[in-house]
Amino acid sequence: MLAIPELAMPRSSKVTTVCNGKREIWTDYEEAKAYFLELMMTTEGEEHERAECVYIQLTHGLSECSDE
């Protein structure tokens, strides 16, 4: 077990996302969150679910987020 829980560690500003087979490296964590929130709100069906999966991982502070 980690001495410091992963979610309590300082968040890096760099994040990698994989959504619908497209891999992107973001240098701004908040920009990635805003993008996936907007994508989630403007799509339906499977595309909505993929964006939601990545967004939830982003809100938990993960440095690599995927829709799988």
C-alpha atoms as a PDB file:
ATOM      1  CA  MET A   1       0.000   0.000   0.000  1.00  0.00           C
ATOM      2  CA  LEU A   2       1.199   3.500  -0.773  1.00  0.00           C
ATOM      3  CA  ALA A   3       2.236   5.736   2.095  1.00  0.00           C
ATOM      4  CA  ILE A   4       0.381   8.593   0.402  1.00  0.00           C
ATOM      5  CA  PRO A   5      -2.845   7.641  -1.384  1.00  0.00           C
ATOM      6  CA  GLU A   6      -2.588   8.168  -5.134  1.00  0.00           C
ATOM      7  CA  LEU A   7      -5.502  10.607  -5.164  1.00  0.00           C
ATOM      8  CA  ALA A   8      -3.807  12.785  -2.525  1.00  0.00           C
ATOM      9  CA  MET A   9      -0.626  13.179  -4.587  1.00  0.00           C
ATOM     10  CA  PRO A  10      -0.117  16.423  -6.490  1.00  0.00           C
ATOM     11  CA  ARG A  11      -1.727  16.106  -9.890  1.00  0.00           C
ATOM     12  CA  SER A  12       0.554  16.382 -12.910  1.00  0.00           C
ATOM     13  CA  SER A  13      -0.590  18.864 -15.523  1.00  0.00           C
ATOM     14  CA  LYS A  14       0.097  16.242 -18.240  1.00  0.00           C
ATOM     15  CA  VAL A  15      -2.454  13.524 -19.013  1.00  0.00           C
ATOM     16  CA  THR A  16      -2.884  10.894 -21.719  1.00  0.00           C
ATOM     17  CA  THR A  17      -6.354   9.978 -22.952  1.00  0.00           C
ATOM     18  CA  VAL A  18      -7.524   7.207 -25.257  1.00  0.00           C
ATOM     19  CA  CYS A  19     -11.062   7.587 -26.582  1.00  0.00           C
ATOM     20  CA  ASN A  20     -12.512   5.721 -29.545  1.00  0.00           C
ATOM     21  CA  GLY A  21      -9.026   4.550 -30.538  1.00  0.00           C
ATOM     22  CA  LYS A  22      -7.590   8.085 -30.600  1.00  0.00           C
ATOM     23  CA  ARG A  23      -4.641   8.637 -28.232  1.00  0.00           C
ATOM     24  CA  GLU A  24      -3.980  12.218 -27.128  1.00  0.00           C
ATOM     25  CA  ILE A  25      -1.419  13.717 -24.768  1.00  0.00           C
ATOM     26  CA  TRP A  26      -2.706  16.826 -23.010  1.00  0.00           C
ATOM     27  CA  THR A  27      -0.389  19.341 -21.359  1.00  0.00           C
ATOM     28  CA  ASP A  28      -3.269  20.970 -19.476  1.00  0.00           C
ATOM     29  CA  TYR A  29      -5.293  18.646 -17.222  1.00  0.00           C
ATOM     30  CA  GLU A  30      -8.183  21.090 -16.850  1.00  0.00           C
ATOM     31  CA  GLU A  31      -8.411  21.522 -20.633  1.00  0.00           C
ATOM     32  CA  ALA A  32      -8.745  17.740 -21.041  1.00  0.00           C
ATOM     33  CA  LYS A  33     -11.492  17.628 -18.401  1.00  0.00           C
ATOM     34  CA  ALA A  34     -13.380  20.481 -20.085  1.00  0.00           C
ATOM     35  CA  TYR A  35     -13.100  18.805 -23.497  1.00  0.00           C
ATOM     36  CA  PHE A  36     -14.466  15.461 -22.285  1.00  0.00           C
ATOM     37  CA  LEU A  37     -17.217  17.123 -20.249  1.00  0.00           C
ATOM     38  CA  GLU A  38     -18.379  19.024 -23.324  1.00  0.00           C
ATOM     39  CA  LEU A  39     -18.101  15.902 -25.480  1.00  0.00           C
ATOM     40  CA  MET A  40     -20.100  13.954 -22.924  1.00  0.00           C
ATOM     41  CA  MET A  41     -22.830  16.605 -22.829  1.00  0.00           C
ATOM     42  CA  THR A  42     -23.153  16.947 -26.616  1.00  0.00           C
ATOM     43  CA  THR A  43     -23.223  13.284 -27.652  1.00  0.00           C
ATOM     44  CA  GLU A  44     -25.529  10.329 -27.171  1.00  0.00           C
ATOM     45  CA  GLY A  45     -25.253   6.563 -27.100  1.00  0.00           C
ATOM     46  CA  GLU A  46     -21.901   4.819 -27.276  1.00  0.00           C
ATOM     47  CA  GLU A  47     -19.954   8.029 -27.926  1.00  0.00           C
ATOM     48  CA  HIS A  48     -21.481   9.580 -24.775  1.00  0.00           C
ATOM     49  CA  GLU A  49     -20.525   6.515 -22.727  1.00  0.00           C
ATOM     50  CA  ARG A  50     -16.930   6.582 -23.998  1.00  0.00           C
ATOM     51  CA  ALA A  51     -16.535  10.274 -23.156  1.00  0.00           C
ATOM     52  CA  GLU A  52     -18.150   9.737 -19.750  1.00  0.00           C
ATOM     53  CA  CYS A  53     -15.740   6.901 -18.933  1.00  0.00           C
ATOM     54  CA  VAL A  54     -12.702   9.083 -19.712  1.00  0.00           C
ATOM     55  CA  TYR A  55     -14.187  12.090 -17.859  1.00  0.00           C
ATOM     56  CA  ILE A  56     -14.790  10.055 -14.694  1.00  0.00           C
ATOM     57  CA  GLN A  57     -11.187   8.849 -14.740  1.00  0.00           C
ATOM     58  CA  LEU A  58     -10.005  12.442 -15.203  1.00  0.00           C
ATOM     59  CA  THR A  59     -12.028  13.599 -12.199  1.00  0.00           C
ATOM     60  CA  HIS A  60     -10.283  10.918 -10.133  1.00  0.00           C
ATOM     61  CA  GLY A  61      -6.900  12.374 -11.077  1.00  0.00           C
ATOM     62  CA  LEU A  62      -5.502   9.539 -13.180  1.00  0.00           C
ATOM     63  CA  SER A  63      -2.603  10.341 -15.526  1.00  0.00           C
ATOM     64  CA  GLU A  64      -3.762   7.809 -18.140  1.00  0.00           C
ATOM     65  CA  CYS A  65      -7.456   7.595 -18.984  1.00  0.00           C
ATOM     66  CA  SER A  66      -9.129   5.224 -21.427  1.00  0.00           C
ATOM     67  CA  ASP A  67     -12.643   4.445 -22.586  1.00  0.00           C
ATOM     68  CA  GLU A  68     -12.022   0.688 -22.315  1.00  0.00           C
END
